[in-house]
Amino acid sequence: MRFLLWLILLVLCWPLALAALFFFPFVWLVLLPFRLIGITVNAVFALLKAILMLPARILAGPRGF
């Protein structure tokens, strides 16, 4: 899908399409730390949820599936 959108952009405005193709790796490298921070924050919240829900899971007892 992205490739088709890029081809449409290439037909409509080829300098902008080539600039986007050239700058994409740099933008990806700049945004990479924010992705890593997001993954880390998500993992910390999942750990906190697991710790806070542990007593309820223990008191609930084994499930008979």
PDB file of N, CA and C in Angstrom:
ATOM      1  N   MET A   1       0.832  -1.196   0.000  1.00  0.00           N
ATOM      2  CA  MET A   1       0.000   0.000   0.000  1.00  0.00           C
ATOM      3  C   MET A   1       0.876   1.261   0.000  1.00  0.00           C
ATOM      4  N   ARG A   2       1.899   1.238   0.849  1.00  0.00           N
ATOM      5  CA  ARG A   2       2.790   2.407   0.892  1.00  0.00           C
ATOM      6  C   ARG A   2       3.499   2.604  -0.445  1.00  0.00           C
ATOM      7  N   PHE A   3       3.868   1.484  -1.062  1.00  0.00           N
ATOM      8  CA  PHE A   3       4.558   1.576  -2.344  1.00  0.00           C
ATOM      9  C   PHE A   3       3.652   2.187  -3.408  1.00  0.00           C
ATOM     10  N   LEU A   4       2.383   1.804  -3.412  1.00  0.00           N
ATOM     11  CA  LEU A   4       1.449   2.372  -4.380  1.00  0.00           C
ATOM     12  C   LEU A   4       1.248   3.869  -4.139  1.00  0.00           C
ATOM     13  N   LEU A   5       1.165   4.259  -2.871  1.00  0.00           N
ATOM     14  CA  LEU A   5       1.048   5.692  -2.563  1.00  0.00           C
ATOM     15  C   LEU A   5       2.302   6.445  -3.010  1.00  0.00           C
ATOM     16  N   TRP A   6       3.456   5.805  -2.846  1.00  0.00           N
ATOM     17  CA  TRP A   6       4.691   6.456  -3.281  1.00  0.00           C
ATOM     18  C   TRP A   6       4.727   6.581  -4.807  1.00  0.00           C
ATOM     19  N   LEU A   7       4.225   5.567  -5.506  1.00  0.00           N
ATOM     20  CA  LEU A   7       4.181   5.643  -6.969  1.00  0.00           C
ATOM     21  C   LEU A   7       3.253   6.757  -7.442  1.00  0.00           C
ATOM     22  N   ILE A   8       2.126   6.931  -6.760  1.00  0.00           N
ATOM     23  CA  ILE A   8       1.219   8.033  -7.105  1.00  0.00           C
ATOM     24  C   ILE A   8       1.906   9.369  -6.870  1.00  0.00           C
ATOM     25  N   LEU A   9       2.614   9.474  -5.738  1.00  0.00           N
ATOM     26  CA  LEU A   9       3.356  10.699  -5.460  1.00  0.00           C
ATOM     27  C   LEU A   9       4.451  10.909  -6.501  1.00  0.00           C
ATOM     28  N   LEU A  10       5.071   9.829  -6.950  1.00  0.00           N
ATOM     29  CA  LEU A  10       6.109   9.935  -7.967  1.00  0.00           C
ATOM     30  C   LEU A  10       5.544  10.478  -9.280  1.00  0.00           C
ATOM     31  N   VAL A  11       4.352  10.060  -9.620  1.00  0.00           N
ATOM     32  CA  VAL A  11       3.733  10.548 -10.859  1.00  0.00           C
ATOM     33  C   VAL A  11       3.306  12.008 -10.711  1.00  0.00           C
ATOM     34  N   LEU A  12       2.757  12.352  -9.557  1.00  0.00           N
ATOM     35  CA  LEU A  12       2.240  13.715  -9.367  1.00  0.00           C
ATOM     36  C   LEU A  12       3.342  14.741  -9.120  1.00  0.00           C
ATOM     37  N   CYS A  13       4.311  14.373  -8.281  1.00  0.00           N
ATOM     38  CA  CYS A  13       5.364  15.335  -7.936  1.00  0.00           C
ATOM     39  C   CYS A  13       6.658  14.554  -7.683  1.00  0.00           C
ATOM     40  N   TRP A  14       7.409  14.300  -8.747  1.00  0.00           N
ATOM     41  CA  TRP A  14       8.568  13.430  -8.618  1.00  0.00           C
ATOM     42  C   TRP A  14       9.681  13.985  -7.722  1.00  0.00           C
ATOM     43  N   PRO A  15       9.919  15.310  -7.646  1.00  0.00           N
ATOM     44  CA  PRO A  15      10.975  15.757  -6.721  1.00  0.00           C
ATOM     45  C   PRO A  15      10.630  15.474  -5.257  1.00  0.00           C
ATOM     46  N   LEU A  16       9.358  15.650  -4.893  1.00  0.00           N
ATOM     47  CA  LEU A  16       8.941  15.370  -3.519  1.00  0.00           C
ATOM     48  C   LEU A  16       9.049  13.878  -3.215  1.00  0.00           C
ATOM     49  N   ALA A  17       8.710  13.025  -4.186  1.00  0.00           N
ATOM     50  CA  ALA A  17       8.814  11.578  -3.990  1.00  0.00           C
ATOM     51  C   ALA A  17      10.268  11.151  -3.813  1.00  0.00           C
ATOM     52  N   LEU A  18      11.157  11.719  -4.589  1.00  0.00           N
ATOM     53  CA  LEU A  18      12.578  11.379  -4.445  1.00  0.00           C
ATOM     54  C   LEU A  18      13.149  11.906  -3.133  1.00  0.00           C
ATOM     55  N   ALA A  19      12.700  13.092  -2.711  1.00  0.00           N
ATOM     56  CA  ALA A  19      13.140  13.621  -1.420  1.00  0.00           C
ATOM     57  C   ALA A  19      12.639  12.736  -0.277  1.00  0.00           C
ATOM     58  N   ALA A  20      11.399  12.275  -0.381  1.00  0.00           N
ATOM     59  CA  ALA A  20      10.863  11.380   0.645  1.00  0.00           C
ATOM     60  C   ALA A  20      11.645  10.078   0.677  1.00  0.00           C
ATOM     61  N   LEU A  21      11.998   9.568  -0.474  1.00  0.00           N
ATOM     62  CA  LEU A  21      12.783   8.332  -0.545  1.00  0.00           C
ATOM     63  C   LEU A  21      14.172   8.531   0.056  1.00  0.00           C
ATOM     64  N   PHE A  22      14.750   9.709  -0.127  1.00  0.00           N
ATOM     65  CA  PHE A  22      16.083   9.989   0.396  1.00  0.00           C
ATOM     66  C   PHE A  22      16.070  10.222   1.909  1.00  0.00           C
ATOM     67  N   PHE A  23      15.055  10.951   2.424  1.00  0.00           N
ATOM     68  CA  PHE A  23      15.031  11.323   3.838  1.00  0.00           C
ATOM     69  C   PHE A  23      14.389  10.280   4.746  1.00  0.00           C
ATOM     70  N   PHE A  24      13.737   9.262   4.194  1.00  0.00           N
ATOM     71  CA  PHE A  24      13.066   8.264   5.020  1.00  0.00           C
ATOM     72  C   PHE A  24      14.001   7.572   6.009  1.00  0.00           C
ATOM     73  N   PRO A  25      15.201   7.115   5.609  1.00  0.00           N
ATOM     74  CA  PRO A  25      16.075   6.465   6.601  1.00  0.00           C
ATOM     75  C   PRO A  25      16.491   7.398   7.736  1.00  0.00           C
ATOM     76  N   PHE A  26      16.697   8.669   7.437  1.00  0.00           N
ATOM     77  CA  PHE A  26      17.087   9.618   8.481  1.00  0.00           C
ATOM     78  C   PHE A  26      15.949   9.864   9.466  1.00  0.00           C
ATOM     79  N   VAL A  27      14.749   9.983   8.954  1.00  0.00           N
ATOM     80  CA  VAL A  27      13.581  10.166   9.823  1.00  0.00           C
ATOM     81  C   VAL A  27      13.386   8.927  10.691  1.00  0.00           C
ATOM     82  N   TRP A  28      13.576   7.742  10.119  1.00  0.00           N
ATOM     83  CA  TRP A  28      13.436   6.504  10.870  1.00  0.00           C
ATOM     84  C   TRP A  28      14.467   6.445  12.001  1.00  0.00           C
ATOM     85  N   LEU A  29      15.697   6.867  11.731  1.00  0.00           N
ATOM     86  CA  LEU A  29      16.734   6.862  12.766  1.00  0.00           C
ATOM     87  C   LEU A  29      16.431   7.872  13.871  1.00  0.00           C
ATOM     88  N   VAL A  30      15.858   9.019  13.514  1.00  0.00           N
ATOM     89  CA  VAL A  30      15.524  10.023  14.527  1.00  0.00           C
ATOM     90  C   VAL A  30      14.378   9.528  15.414  1.00  0.00           C
ATOM     91  N   LEU A  31      13.414   8.815  14.835  1.00  0.00           N
ATOM     92  CA  LEU A  31      12.256   8.352  15.598  1.00  0.00           C
ATOM     93  C   LEU A  31      12.516   7.059  16.369  1.00  0.00           C
ATOM     94  N   LEU A  32      13.604   6.375  16.103  1.00  0.00           N
ATOM     95  CA  LEU A  32      13.909   5.113  16.761  1.00  0.00           C
ATOM     96  C   LEU A  32      13.995   5.228  18.289  1.00  0.00           C
ATOM     97  N   PRO A  33      14.652   6.223  18.863  1.00  0.00           N
ATOM     98  CA  PRO A  33      14.673   6.316  20.336  1.00  0.00           C
ATOM     99  C   PRO A  33      13.277   6.459  20.947  1.00  0.00           C
ATOM    100  N   PHE A  34      12.376   7.159  20.268  1.00  0.00           N
ATOM    101  CA  PHE A  34      11.027   7.307  20.801  1.00  0.00           C
ATOM    102  C   PHE A  34      10.281   5.977  20.789  1.00  0.00           C
ATOM    103  N   ARG A  35      10.537   5.151  19.776  1.00  0.00           N
ATOM    104  CA  ARG A  35       9.943   3.814  19.755  1.00  0.00           C
ATOM    105  C   ARG A  35      10.457   2.977  20.910  1.00  0.00           C
ATOM    106  N   LEU A  36      11.758   3.053  21.163  1.00  0.00           N
ATOM    107  CA  LEU A  36      12.344   2.282  22.257  1.00  0.00           C
ATOM    108  C   LEU A  36      11.805   2.742  23.605  1.00  0.00           C
ATOM    109  N   ILE A  37      11.626   4.046  23.766  1.00  0.00           N
ATOM    110  CA  ILE A  37      11.041   4.564  25.005  1.00  0.00           C
ATOM    111  C   ILE A  37       9.605   4.069  25.157  1.00  0.00           C
ATOM    112  N   GLY A  38       8.854   4.044  24.084  1.00  0.00           N
ATOM    113  CA  GLY A  38       7.478   3.553  24.135  1.00  0.00           C
ATOM    114  C   GLY A  38       7.403   2.088  24.510  1.00  0.00           C
ATOM    115  N   ILE A  39       8.289   1.275  23.958  1.00  0.00           N
ATOM    116  CA  ILE A  39       8.328  -0.150  24.301  1.00  0.00           C
ATOM    117  C   ILE A  39       8.678  -0.334  25.772  1.00  0.00           C
ATOM    118  N   THR A  40       9.635   0.454  26.262  1.00  0.00           N
ATOM    119  CA  THR A  40      10.049   0.349  27.656  1.00  0.00           C
ATOM    120  C   THR A  40       8.931   0.765  28.603  1.00  0.00           C
ATOM    121  N   VAL A  41       8.260   1.862  28.308  1.00  0.00           N
ATOM    122  CA  VAL A  41       7.162   2.321  29.165  1.00  0.00           C
ATOM    123  C   VAL A  41       6.031   1.296  29.170  1.00  0.00           C
ATOM    124  N   ASN A  42       5.721   0.714  28.027  1.00  0.00           N
ATOM    125  CA  ASN A  42       4.687  -0.306  27.947  1.00  0.00           C
ATOM    126  C   ASN A  42       5.066  -1.523  28.796  1.00  0.00           C
ATOM    127  N   ALA A  43       6.316  -1.928  28.757  1.00  0.00           N
ATOM    128  CA  ALA A  43       6.772  -3.064  29.554  1.00  0.00           C
ATOM    129  C   ALA A  43       6.698  -2.769  31.043  1.00  0.00           C
ATOM    130  N   VAL A  44       7.041  -1.549  31.446  1.00  0.00           N
ATOM    131  CA  VAL A  44       6.973  -1.181  32.865  1.00  0.00           C
ATOM    132  C   VAL A  44       5.527  -1.202  33.343  1.00  0.00           C
ATOM    133  N   PHE A  45       4.597  -0.687  32.551  1.00  0.00           N
ATOM    134  CA  PHE A  45       3.185  -0.711  32.942  1.00  0.00           C
ATOM    135  C   PHE A  45       2.658  -2.140  33.002  1.00  0.00           C
ATOM    136  N   ALA A  46       3.086  -3.009  32.108  1.00  0.00           N
ATOM    137  CA  ALA A  46       2.663  -4.411  32.152  1.00  0.00           C
ATOM    138  C   ALA A  46       3.200  -5.094  33.409  1.00  0.00           C
ATOM    139  N   LEU A  47       4.442  -4.774  33.789  1.00  0.00           N
ATOM    140  CA  LEU A  47       5.007  -5.339  35.009  1.00  0.00           C
ATOM    141  C   LEU A  47       4.256  -4.853  36.240  1.00  0.00           C
ATOM    142  N   LEU A  48       3.953  -3.553  36.304  1.00  0.00           N
ATOM    143  CA  LEU A  48       3.196  -3.022  37.438  1.00  0.00           C
ATOM    144  C   LEU A  48       1.807  -3.652  37.533  1.00  0.00           C
ATOM    145  N   LYS A  49       1.153  -3.843  36.400  1.00  0.00           N
ATOM    146  CA  LYS A  49      -0.157  -4.481  36.395  1.00  0.00           C
ATOM    147  C   LYS A  49      -0.059  -5.914  36.908  1.00  0.00           C
ATOM    148  N   ALA A  50       0.971  -6.645  36.467  1.00  0.00           N
ATOM    149  CA  ALA A  50       1.148  -8.019  36.923  1.00  0.00           C
ATOM    150  C   ALA A  50       1.412  -8.080  38.418  1.00  0.00           C
ATOM    151  N   ILE A  51       2.203  -7.144  38.938  1.00  0.00           N
ATOM    152  CA  ILE A  51       2.503  -7.125  40.369  1.00  0.00           C
ATOM    153  C   ILE A  51       1.251  -6.777  41.172  1.00  0.00           C
ATOM    154  N   LEU A  52       0.477  -5.795  40.704  1.00  0.00           N
ATOM    155  CA  LEU A  52      -0.724  -5.385  41.444  1.00  0.00           C
ATOM    156  C   LEU A  52      -1.834  -6.427  41.373  1.00  0.00           C
ATOM    157  N   MET A  53      -1.908  -7.183  40.305  1.00  0.00           N
ATOM    158  CA  MET A  53      -2.954  -8.192  40.160  1.00  0.00           C
ATOM    159  C   MET A  53      -2.570  -9.550  40.752  1.00  0.00           C
ATOM    160  N   LEU A  54      -1.332  -9.714  41.184  1.00  0.00           N
ATOM    161  CA  LEU A  54      -0.890 -11.000  41.706  1.00  0.00           C
ATOM    162  C   LEU A  54      -1.684 -11.465  42.921  1.00  0.00           C
ATOM    163  N   PRO A  55      -1.953 -10.608  43.931  1.00  0.00           N
ATOM    164  CA  PRO A  55      -2.746 -11.092  45.070  1.00  0.00           C
ATOM    165  C   PRO A  55      -4.148 -11.564  44.668  1.00  0.00           C
ATOM    166  N   ALA A  56      -4.777 -10.882  43.742  1.00  0.00           N
ATOM    167  CA  ALA A  56      -6.104 -11.300  43.312  1.00  0.00           C
ATOM    168  C   ALA A  56      -6.038 -12.636  42.579  1.00  0.00           C
ATOM    169  N   ARG A  57      -5.017 -12.858  41.805  1.00  0.00           N
ATOM    170  CA  ARG A  57      -4.874 -14.130  41.107  1.00  0.00           C
ATOM    171  C   ARG A  57      -4.602 -15.269  42.076  1.00  0.00           C
ATOM    172  N   ILE A  58      -3.829 -14.978  43.136  1.00  0.00           N
ATOM    173  CA  ILE A  58      -3.552 -16.011  44.117  1.00  0.00           C
ATOM    174  C   ILE A  58      -4.809 -16.352  44.909  1.00  0.00           C
ATOM    175  N   LEU A  59      -5.574 -15.331  45.306  1.00  0.00           N
ATOM    176  CA  LEU A  59      -6.804 -15.563  46.076  1.00  0.00           C
ATOM    177  C   LEU A  59      -7.901 -16.208  45.244  1.00  0.00           C
ATOM    178  N   ALA A  60      -7.864 -16.040  43.951  1.00  0.00           N
ATOM    179  CA  ALA A  60      -8.894 -16.624  43.097  1.00  0.00           C
ATOM    180  C   ALA A  60      -8.760 -18.141  43.051  1.00  0.00           C
ATOM    181  N   GLY A  61      -7.594 -18.662  43.294  1.00  0.00           N
ATOM    182  CA  GLY A  61      -7.399 -20.105  43.298  1.00  0.00           C
ATOM    183  C   GLY A  61      -7.249 -20.670  41.902  1.00  0.00           C
ATOM    184  N   PRO A  62      -7.058 -21.968  41.831  1.00  0.00           N
ATOM    185  CA  PRO A  62      -6.888 -22.597  40.511  1.00  0.00           C
ATOM    186  C   PRO A  62      -8.202 -22.625  39.735  1.00  0.00           C
ATOM    187  N   ARG A  63      -8.069 -22.495  38.464  1.00  0.00           N
ATOM    188  CA  ARG A  63      -9.260 -22.530  37.609  1.00  0.00           C
ATOM    189  C   ARG A  63      -9.454 -23.948  37.092  1.00  0.00           C
ATOM    190  N   GLY A  64     -10.664 -24.406  37.069  1.00  0.00           N
ATOM    191  CA  GLY A  64     -10.936 -25.775  36.641  1.00  0.00           C
ATOM    192  C   GLY A  64     -11.317 -25.864  35.175  1.00  0.00           C
ATOM    193  N   PHE A  65     -10.341 -25.666  34.304  1.00  0.00           N
ATOM    194  CA  PHE A  65     -10.629 -25.763  32.867  1.00  0.00           C
ATOM    195  C   PHE A  65     -10.495 -27.190  32.414  1.00  0.00           C
TER     196      PHE A  65
END
